[in-house]
């Protein structure tokens, strides 16, 4: 979040699986240590996955989206709900935003000597847009606290599993790395569901992408779309304390007080003047983000911030800081 333009956070701390774009008043900045209720909720979610998802034979410690290096599919899922009324213009704009974000990340990969290929919905790949009908209003998804507490997140996870077989995508695109951008026709603050150890090893990693920002006055920011894709490949938020991800108060304070991070993509998704950019992404990938997604050797970052150490590249781990 760009604190010159952000509004003080007002919503409750997030649950174990939820990360969000640095937009407006989505987060509070307290360390989100697990409570008894949140741990029980996570255990219930795990039991739900075990009961409904066939466990694959191979170990996939990174969820459905592996690493950015190599080839990955970024699938667009249009969520038709009772309160949705998608227009061609809206979907074209959102598709362009996803496409531009993918090209930005490919360019960042080349900058750091990594070959990154992202297949996304386009004229060349028209099969990478799925339409799914669901009987709950999109406004439920927009209230992230409610969406997690009432089981909505798990229901959408299962809906994706039932509707989009991963093996078919693997065969068509020659990659076993797939992420999902679930598009909602309602204003909201976009957020992502990422894999943590203990859940189904092929956990479908997906972003709840709202076509309009939380005020409903303008399309979602292009930088925010790229920010959310980065979450699916292991990047942590830098604009808040998140002990569950190893982002301690020390890290947050250092980032907040270092002008070099002012335009870091996982810290700030606004332009320098507080506006949105729909043509390009002026933000850069910080040293922390580069280490988390596997673009650079993480040892220097790990030495400075041991709380960020991970066993697997681009894979979140549950931490207690």
Protein backbone atom coordinates (compact mmCIF):
# COMPACT_ATOMS: atom_id res chain seq x y z
CA UNK A 1 0.00 0.00 0.00
CA UNK A 2 1.15 3.52 -0.74
CA UNK A 3 0.60 5.05 2.67
CA UNK A 4 0.37 8.56 1.26
CA UNK A 5 -2.88 7.57 -0.44
CA UNK A 6 -4.13 4.53 1.46
CA UNK A 7 -6.96 4.72 3.96
CA UNK A 8 -6.47 3.35 7.47
CA UNK A 9 -7.27 -0.36 7.53
CA UNK A 10 -10.57 -1.28 9.11
CA UNK A 11 -11.28 -4.93 8.43
CA UNK A 12 -10.27 -7.90 10.56
CA UNK A 13 -6.96 -9.70 10.14
CA UNK A 14 -6.89 -12.30 7.39
CA UNK A 15 -7.17 -16.02 7.72
CA UNK A 16 -4.44 -18.51 6.91
CA UNK A 17 -5.00 -18.83 3.17
CA UNK A 18 -5.80 -15.29 2.13
CA UNK A 19 -3.49 -12.65 0.68
CA UNK A 20 -4.59 -9.41 -0.91
CA UNK A 21 -3.68 -6.56 -3.22
CA UNK A 22 -2.38 -3.45 -1.46
CA UNK A 23 -5.54 -1.50 -2.13
CA UNK A 24 -7.30 0.76 0.33
CA UNK A 25 -8.69 -0.41 3.67
CA UNK A 26 -8.46 -4.17 3.29
CA UNK A 27 -6.02 -5.09 6.04
CA UNK A 28 -5.14 -4.08 9.52
CA UNK A 29 -1.44 -4.00 10.26
CA UNK A 30 -1.32 -6.23 13.33
CA UNK A 31 0.52 -9.52 13.22
CA UNK A 32 -2.13 -12.10 12.35
CA UNK A 33 -1.16 -14.91 14.71
CA UNK A 34 -3.56 -17.86 14.56
CA UNK A 35 -6.37 -17.94 17.09
CA UNK A 36 -8.09 -21.12 18.23
CA UNK A 37 -10.95 -20.35 15.85
CA UNK A 38 -8.68 -19.72 12.87
CA UNK A 39 -6.70 -22.90 13.49
CA UNK A 40 -9.94 -24.88 13.75
CA UNK A 41 -11.15 -23.24 10.53
CA UNK A 42 -7.96 -24.27 8.79
CA UNK A 43 -8.32 -27.82 10.10
CA UNK A 44 -11.92 -27.93 8.89
CA UNK A 45 -10.78 -26.73 5.48
CA UNK A 46 -8.13 -29.45 5.38
CA UNK A 47 -10.70 -32.10 6.28
CA UNK A 48 -12.96 -30.79 3.52
CA UNK A 49 -10.18 -31.17 0.98
CA UNK A 50 -9.38 -34.68 2.13
CA UNK A 51 -12.98 -35.77 1.79
CA UNK A 52 -13.63 -34.32 -1.66
CA UNK A 53 -10.35 -34.28 -3.56
CA UNK A 54 -8.55 -37.32 -4.87
CA UNK A 55 -5.00 -37.05 -3.61
CA UNK A 56 -2.36 -37.22 -6.36
CA UNK A 57 0.51 -39.65 -6.05
CA UNK A 58 3.26 -37.09 -6.55
CA UNK A 59 4.30 -34.45 -4.05
CA UNK A 60 3.50 -30.90 -5.17
CA UNK A 61 4.66 -28.62 -2.37
CA UNK A 62 3.82 -25.50 -4.38
CA UNK A 63 0.14 -26.08 -5.14
CA UNK A 64 -1.27 -25.84 -8.67
CA UNK A 65 0.97 -22.88 -9.55
CA UNK A 66 4.61 -23.98 -9.39
CA UNK A 67 7.25 -21.34 -10.14
CA UNK A 68 7.24 -18.47 -12.59
CA UNK A 69 10.41 -19.79 -14.17
CA UNK A 70 9.42 -22.12 -16.98
CA UNK A 71 5.91 -22.36 -18.43
CA UNK A 72 2.64 -21.74 -16.60
CA UNK A 73 -1.00 -21.32 -17.56
CA UNK A 74 -2.94 -18.35 -16.19
CA UNK A 75 -6.54 -19.43 -16.64
CA UNK A 76 -9.34 -16.84 -16.67
CA UNK A 77 -12.52 -18.08 -14.98
CA UNK A 78 -15.59 -15.89 -15.46
CA UNK A 79 -17.88 -16.46 -12.48
CA UNK A 80 -21.50 -16.01 -13.48
CA UNK A 81 -23.59 -15.29 -10.41
CA UNK A 82 -27.21 -14.20 -9.81
CA UNK A 83 -26.05 -10.59 -9.46
CA UNK A 84 -23.61 -10.52 -12.40
CA UNK A 85 -24.13 -8.78 -15.74
CA UNK A 86 -20.82 -9.02 -17.59
CA UNK A 87 -20.42 -6.91 -20.72
CA UNK A 88 -18.07 -7.58 -23.62
CA UNK A 89 -16.32 -4.28 -22.88
CA UNK A 90 -15.69 -5.19 -19.24
CA UNK A 91 -14.35 -8.65 -20.03
CA UNK A 92 -12.16 -7.30 -22.81
CA UNK A 93 -10.66 -4.77 -20.40
CA UNK A 94 -10.06 -7.38 -17.71
CA UNK A 95 -8.55 -9.81 -20.24
CA UNK A 96 -6.18 -7.09 -21.44
CA UNK A 97 -5.15 -6.38 -17.85
CA UNK A 98 -4.31 -10.05 -17.28
CA UNK A 99 -2.45 -10.20 -20.59
CA UNK A 100 -0.40 -7.07 -19.84
CA UNK A 101 0.43 -8.39 -16.38
CA UNK A 102 1.65 -11.68 -17.86
CA UNK A 103 3.85 -9.86 -20.37
CA UNK A 104 5.25 -7.70 -17.56
CA UNK A 105 6.20 -10.78 -15.54
CA UNK A 106 7.80 -12.42 -18.58
CA UNK A 107 9.84 -9.26 -19.08
CA UNK A 108 10.88 -9.27 -15.42
CA UNK A 109 12.01 -12.86 -15.82
CA UNK A 110 14.22 -11.98 -18.78
CA UNK A 111 15.68 -9.11 -16.77
CA UNK A 112 16.94 -11.62 -14.19
CA UNK A 113 17.97 -14.34 -16.62
CA UNK A 114 14.86 -16.49 -16.16
CA UNK A 115 12.85 -17.92 -19.02
CA UNK A 116 9.22 -17.24 -18.16
CA UNK A 117 6.34 -18.24 -20.45
CA UNK A 118 2.80 -17.49 -19.34
CA UNK A 119 -0.12 -18.77 -21.40
CA UNK A 120 -3.26 -16.71 -20.86
CA UNK A 121 -6.58 -16.12 -22.59
CA UNK A 122 -6.10 -14.41 -25.96
CA UNK A 123 -6.96 -14.82 -29.63
CA UNK A 124 -4.15 -17.37 -29.73
CA UNK A 125 -5.43 -19.25 -26.67
CA UNK A 126 -9.24 -18.87 -26.62
CA UNK A 127 -9.58 -22.06 -24.57
CA UNK A 128 -8.06 -20.36 -21.53
CA UNK A 129 -11.30 -18.68 -20.52
CA UNK A 130 -13.86 -20.77 -18.66
CA UNK A 131 -17.37 -19.67 -17.79
CA UNK A 132 -18.73 -21.15 -14.57
CA UNK A 133 -22.18 -20.58 -13.11
CA UNK A 134 -22.53 -20.36 -9.33
CA UNK A 135 -25.67 -19.71 -7.29
CA UNK A 136 -24.17 -17.34 -4.69
CA UNK A 137 -23.91 -13.59 -5.28
CA UNK A 138 -20.55 -12.09 -6.18
CA UNK A 139 -20.94 -9.67 -3.29
CA UNK A 140 -20.23 -12.59 -0.94
CA UNK A 141 -16.83 -13.02 -2.56
CA UNK A 142 -16.20 -9.28 -2.20
CA UNK A 143 -16.59 -9.57 1.58
CA UNK A 144 -13.45 -11.65 2.11
CA UNK A 145 -14.01 -12.11 5.85
CA UNK A 146 -17.49 -13.52 5.24
CA UNK A 147 -16.30 -15.57 2.25
CA UNK A 148 -13.80 -17.42 4.40
CA UNK A 149 -15.86 -17.75 7.57
CA UNK A 150 -18.97 -19.18 5.90
CA UNK A 151 -17.14 -21.71 3.73
CA UNK A 152 -17.49 -19.82 0.45
CA UNK A 153 -13.77 -20.12 -0.30
CA UNK A 154 -13.92 -23.90 0.02
CA UNK A 155 -17.02 -24.07 -2.17
CA UNK A 156 -15.33 -22.12 -4.95
CA UNK A 157 -12.22 -24.27 -4.57
CA UNK A 158 -14.34 -27.38 -5.07
CA UNK A 159 -16.21 -25.77 -7.96
CA UNK A 160 -12.91 -25.15 -9.75
CA UNK A 161 -11.81 -28.73 -9.11
CA UNK A 162 -15.09 -30.11 -10.45
CA UNK A 163 -15.18 -27.82 -13.49
CA UNK A 164 -11.57 -27.62 -14.69
CA UNK A 165 -9.49 -30.83 -14.66
CA UNK A 166 -5.82 -29.95 -14.26
CA UNK A 167 -4.65 -32.96 -16.25
CA UNK A 168 -6.39 -31.68 -19.40
CA UNK A 169 -4.50 -28.39 -19.12
CA UNK A 170 -1.22 -30.21 -18.47
CA UNK A 171 -1.66 -32.22 -21.66
CA UNK A 172 -2.68 -29.28 -23.83
CA UNK A 173 0.06 -26.87 -22.70
CA UNK A 174 2.85 -29.18 -21.66
CA UNK A 175 3.14 -27.73 -18.16
CA UNK A 176 1.99 -28.77 -14.70
CA UNK A 177 1.87 -25.19 -13.38
CA UNK A 178 -1.59 -23.60 -13.48
CA UNK A 179 -3.07 -20.54 -11.74
CA UNK A 180 -6.62 -19.23 -11.92
CA UNK A 181 -7.94 -15.67 -12.14
CA UNK A 182 -11.57 -15.90 -11.03
CA UNK A 183 -13.31 -12.79 -12.36
CA UNK A 184 -16.26 -11.30 -10.46
CA UNK A 185 -18.66 -8.69 -11.74
CA UNK A 186 -18.76 -6.59 -8.59
CA UNK A 187 -16.59 -3.95 -6.91
CA UNK A 188 -14.09 -5.26 -4.39
CA UNK A 189 -10.49 -5.57 -3.27
CA UNK A 190 -8.89 -8.46 -5.13
CA UNK A 191 -7.29 -11.22 -3.06
CA UNK A 192 -5.69 -14.61 -3.60
CA UNK A 193 -5.92 -18.13 -2.24
CA UNK A 194 -2.51 -19.79 -2.08
CA UNK A 195 -1.23 -23.21 -1.11
CA UNK A 196 0.17 -23.88 2.35
CA UNK A 197 1.63 -27.22 3.55
CA UNK A 198 -1.03 -29.47 5.00
CA UNK A 199 -3.60 -28.87 2.30
CA UNK A 200 -4.20 -30.92 -0.83
CA UNK A 201 -0.90 -30.91 -2.70
CA UNK A 202 -2.62 -29.83 -5.91
CA UNK A 203 -4.56 -27.05 -4.21
CA UNK A 204 -6.02 -24.86 -6.95
CA UNK A 205 -4.35 -21.48 -6.42
CA UNK A 206 -6.63 -18.68 -7.50
CA UNK A 207 -7.26 -14.97 -7.35
CA UNK A 208 -10.65 -13.41 -6.71
CA UNK A 209 -10.29 -10.65 -9.30
CA UNK A 210 -12.92 -7.94 -9.10
CA UNK A 211 -13.47 -5.98 -12.30
CA UNK A 212 -13.86 -2.72 -10.37
CA UNK A 213 -12.08 -1.39 -7.31
CA UNK A 214 -13.90 -1.40 -3.98
CA UNK A 215 -15.57 1.94 -4.72
CA UNK A 216 -16.95 0.77 -8.05
CA UNK A 217 -15.78 3.91 -9.83
CA UNK A 218 -12.88 2.55 -11.89
CA UNK A 219 -11.51 -0.70 -13.23
CA UNK A 220 -9.11 -2.71 -11.11
CA UNK A 221 -5.57 -1.35 -11.26
CA UNK A 222 -3.22 -3.08 -13.70
CA UNK A 223 -0.46 -3.26 -11.09
CA UNK A 224 -2.87 -4.96 -8.70
CA UNK A 225 -3.52 -7.73 -11.23
CA UNK A 226 0.23 -8.40 -11.50
CA UNK A 227 0.50 -8.17 -7.70
CA UNK A 228 -2.09 -10.93 -7.32
CA UNK A 229 -0.47 -13.19 -9.91
CA UNK A 230 2.78 -12.86 -7.97
CA UNK A 231 1.00 -14.10 -4.84
CA UNK A 232 0.08 -17.29 -6.67
CA UNK A 233 3.77 -17.87 -7.34
CA UNK A 234 5.02 -17.24 -3.81
CA UNK A 235 5.32 -13.46 -3.31
CA UNK A 236 4.41 -12.06 0.12
CA UNK A 237 2.75 -8.72 0.84
CA UNK A 238 5.18 -6.07 2.04
CA UNK A 239 2.64 -3.41 3.07
CA UNK A 240 1.56 -5.13 6.26
CA UNK A 241 2.81 -7.29 9.10
CA UNK A 242 1.90 -10.92 8.44
CA UNK A 243 3.54 -13.21 10.96
CA UNK A 244 1.89 -16.23 9.35
CA UNK A 245 4.03 -15.59 6.24
CA UNK A 246 7.17 -14.54 8.10
CA UNK A 247 6.70 -10.82 7.40
CA UNK A 248 7.61 -9.49 10.82
CA UNK A 249 7.20 -6.01 12.22
CA UNK A 250 10.93 -5.50 11.60
CA UNK A 251 10.53 -6.28 7.89
CA UNK A 252 7.45 -4.12 7.57
CA UNK A 253 9.10 -1.17 9.33
CA UNK A 254 12.24 -1.47 7.21
CA UNK A 255 10.21 -1.52 4.01
CA UNK A 256 7.95 1.32 5.10
CA UNK A 257 10.87 3.55 6.05
CA UNK A 258 13.09 2.81 3.05
CA UNK A 259 12.32 5.10 0.06
CA UNK A 260 13.74 2.41 -2.23
CA UNK A 261 10.59 0.34 -1.62
CA UNK A 262 8.20 3.17 -2.46
CA UNK A 263 7.40 1.63 -5.87
CA UNK A 264 7.93 -2.03 -4.99
CA UNK A 265 5.03 -3.98 -6.50
CA UNK A 266 4.26 -6.04 -3.40
CA UNK A 267 4.24 -2.85 -1.31
CA UNK A 268 2.44 -0.34 -3.50
CA UNK A 269 0.14 -0.71 -6.52
CA UNK A 270 -0.52 3.00 -7.08
CA UNK A 271 1.33 5.45 -9.28
CA UNK A 272 3.50 7.99 -7.49
CA UNK A 273 0.65 10.51 -7.65
CA UNK A 274 -1.87 8.02 -6.28
CA UNK A 275 -3.55 7.32 -9.60
CA UNK A 276 -4.07 4.01 -11.41
CA UNK A 277 -2.14 2.99 -14.52
CA UNK A 278 -3.89 0.93 -17.18
CA UNK A 279 -1.19 1.01 -19.84
CA UNK A 280 1.93 -0.12 -17.99
CA UNK A 281 3.24 -1.22 -14.61
CA UNK A 282 5.76 1.30 -13.23
CA UNK A 283 6.47 -0.76 -10.12
CA UNK A 284 9.53 -2.99 -9.77
CA UNK A 285 10.19 -6.31 -8.03
CA UNK A 286 12.06 -5.80 -4.75
CA UNK A 287 14.90 -7.95 -3.46
CA UNK A 288 12.49 -9.74 -1.12
CA UNK A 289 10.02 -10.51 -3.89
CA UNK A 290 12.74 -11.67 -6.27
CA UNK A 291 13.99 -14.10 -3.63
CA UNK A 292 10.52 -15.40 -2.78
CA UNK A 293 9.59 -16.18 -6.40
CA UNK A 294 12.95 -17.73 -7.26
CA UNK A 295 14.31 -15.08 -9.62
CA UNK A 296 17.42 -14.48 -7.48
CA UNK A 297 19.47 -16.43 -4.94
CA UNK A 298 17.53 -16.00 -1.67
CA UNK A 299 20.49 -16.41 0.70
CA UNK A 300 21.13 -12.68 1.21
CA UNK A 301 17.46 -12.07 2.01
CA UNK A 302 17.30 -15.14 4.26
CA UNK A 303 20.40 -14.02 6.15
CA UNK A 304 18.90 -10.58 6.72
CA UNK A 305 15.40 -11.86 7.46
CA UNK A 306 15.49 -15.48 8.76
CA UNK A 307 11.72 -15.45 9.21
CA UNK A 308 11.34 -15.60 5.41
CA UNK A 309 13.34 -18.82 4.97
CA UNK A 310 11.43 -21.43 2.94
CA UNK A 311 12.04 -25.06 2.15
CA UNK A 312 10.60 -24.80 -1.35
CA UNK A 313 10.94 -21.95 -3.83
CA UNK A 314 7.72 -20.03 -4.43
CA UNK A 315 5.83 -21.99 -1.75
CA UNK A 316 4.20 -20.36 1.27
CA UNK A 317 4.78 -21.90 4.68
CA UNK A 318 2.82 -21.42 7.90
CA UNK A 319 5.01 -19.50 10.32
CA UNK A 320 4.44 -18.13 13.82
CA UNK A 321 6.00 -14.70 14.24
